[in-house]
Amino acid sequence: RKLEGEYLTNYDTRSRLAKIETTLNNLLEPIQEVDSDTLRSFIYKIISVTPENIVFCVAGTKNYTDKEFSENRHTFEALKPLATGTYHNEKYDKIMNYKVVII
């Protein structure tokens, strides 16, 4: 059972990284719109810190259960970001701040 779980975890990580690599290798132009499969390959979870501040969590090599993720959300929020930025939603005239971390 343990070996089976490790195999599935490693398979999930490898398949996710393969999807990311394929997507990046096929890019001829910057990404304008992302489909749900590609988004799931890049983003593991999203933390809403406040309505204007979110953290995109990119999965590393460990897959967290929902409980583990919930228990560690403040730790993940405090990680050094891989990237930061803002997004302006013209329809609602709102600015959202985001950061991307690898967990």
Protein backbone atom coordinates (compact mmCIF):
# COMPACT_ATOMS: atom_id res chain seq x y z
CA ARG A 1 0.00 0.00 0.00
CA LYS A 2 2.75 2.45 0.96
CA LEU A 3 4.70 1.73 -2.23
CA GLU A 4 1.52 2.08 -4.26
CA GLY A 5 0.87 5.48 -2.66
CA GLU A 6 4.43 6.63 -3.36
CA TYR A 7 4.14 5.45 -6.97
CA LEU A 8 0.89 7.36 -7.47
CA THR A 9 2.36 10.49 -5.86
CA ASN A 10 5.47 10.31 -8.05
CA TYR A 11 3.34 9.60 -11.12
CA ASP A 12 1.14 12.63 -10.36
CA THR A 13 4.18 14.88 -9.96
CA ARG A 14 5.85 13.55 -13.12
CA SER A 15 2.69 13.86 -15.21
CA ARG A 16 2.07 17.41 -13.93
CA LEU A 17 5.65 18.44 -14.71
CA ALA A 18 5.43 16.81 -18.16
CA LYS A 19 2.26 18.82 -18.89
CA ILE A 20 4.00 22.04 -17.79
CA GLU A 21 7.07 21.25 -19.90
CA THR A 22 4.94 20.48 -22.98
CA THR A 23 2.94 23.68 -22.54
CA LEU A 24 6.05 25.84 -22.15
CA ASN A 25 7.84 24.18 -25.07
CA ASN A 26 4.87 24.78 -27.38
CA LEU A 27 4.55 28.46 -26.58
CA LEU A 28 5.11 30.67 -29.57
CA GLU A 29 3.45 33.67 -27.95
CA PRO A 30 2.84 34.70 -24.34
CA ILE A 31 -0.08 32.98 -22.62
CA GLN A 32 -3.26 35.03 -22.99
CA GLU A 33 -5.80 32.49 -21.80
CA VAL A 34 -5.34 29.20 -19.94
CA ASP A 35 -7.61 26.17 -20.06
CA SER A 36 -8.54 24.38 -16.84
CA ASP A 37 -6.18 21.40 -17.37
CA THR A 38 -3.19 23.66 -17.87
CA LEU A 39 -4.16 25.80 -14.89
CA ARG A 40 -4.43 22.69 -12.70
CA SER A 41 -0.97 21.63 -13.86
CA PHE A 42 0.57 24.89 -12.72
CA ILE A 43 -1.56 25.88 -9.71
CA TYR A 44 -2.12 23.39 -6.90
CA LYS A 45 -4.22 25.53 -4.54
CA ILE A 46 -5.19 29.16 -4.09
CA ILE A 47 -5.27 30.89 -0.71
CA SER A 48 -7.49 33.93 -0.32
CA VAL A 49 -5.69 35.99 2.33
CA THR A 50 -8.10 38.92 1.94
CA PRO A 51 -10.52 39.81 -0.87
CA GLU A 52 -7.69 41.79 -2.51
CA ASN A 53 -4.75 39.46 -1.74
CA ILE A 54 -4.31 35.90 -2.92
CA VAL A 55 -1.52 33.33 -2.92
CA PHE A 56 -1.16 30.88 -5.81
CA CYS A 57 0.46 27.69 -4.51
CA VAL A 58 2.44 25.69 -7.05
CA ALA A 59 2.96 22.08 -6.02
CA GLY A 60 6.49 20.93 -5.38
CA THR A 61 7.19 17.26 -4.86
CA LYS A 62 4.84 16.72 -1.90
CA ASN A 63 1.10 16.31 -2.33
CA TYR A 64 -0.77 17.71 0.66
CA THR A 65 -4.09 16.40 1.87
CA ASP A 66 -6.77 19.05 2.31
CA LYS A 67 -6.26 18.83 6.07
CA GLU A 68 -2.46 19.24 5.81
CA PHE A 69 -2.89 22.16 3.43
CA SER A 70 -5.37 23.86 5.75
CA GLU A 71 -3.10 23.36 8.77
CA ASN A 72 -0.12 24.84 6.89
CA ARG A 73 -1.82 27.69 5.01
CA HIS A 74 -0.20 30.42 7.15
CA THR A 75 3.21 28.84 6.59
CA PHE A 76 2.57 28.82 2.84
CA GLU A 77 1.40 32.45 2.91
CA ALA A 78 4.72 33.44 4.53
CA LEU A 79 6.95 31.68 1.97
CA LYS A 80 9.24 33.78 -0.19
CA PRO A 81 7.37 34.37 -3.45
CA LEU A 82 8.53 33.12 -6.80
CA ALA A 83 6.61 36.01 -8.35
CA THR A 84 4.33 38.84 -7.27
CA GLY A 85 2.01 41.12 -9.15
CA THR A 86 -1.33 42.82 -9.45
CA TYR A 87 -4.36 42.23 -11.60
CA HIS A 88 -6.89 44.92 -12.46
CA ASN A 89 -10.43 43.75 -13.14
CA GLU A 90 -11.90 46.44 -15.36
CA LYS A 91 -15.47 45.20 -15.03
CA TYR A 92 -15.52 45.69 -11.25
CA ASP A 93 -12.70 48.26 -11.11
CA LYS A 94 -10.87 46.15 -8.53
CA ILE A 95 -7.16 45.56 -8.09
CA MET A 96 -6.04 42.20 -6.78
CA ASN A 97 -2.54 41.55 -5.45
CA TYR A 98 -1.12 38.09 -5.87
CA LYS A 99 2.00 36.12 -5.18
CA VAL A 100 3.14 32.71 -6.36
CA VAL A 101 4.89 30.29 -3.99
CA ILE A 102 6.16 26.75 -4.36
CA ILE A 103 5.04 24.44 -1.57
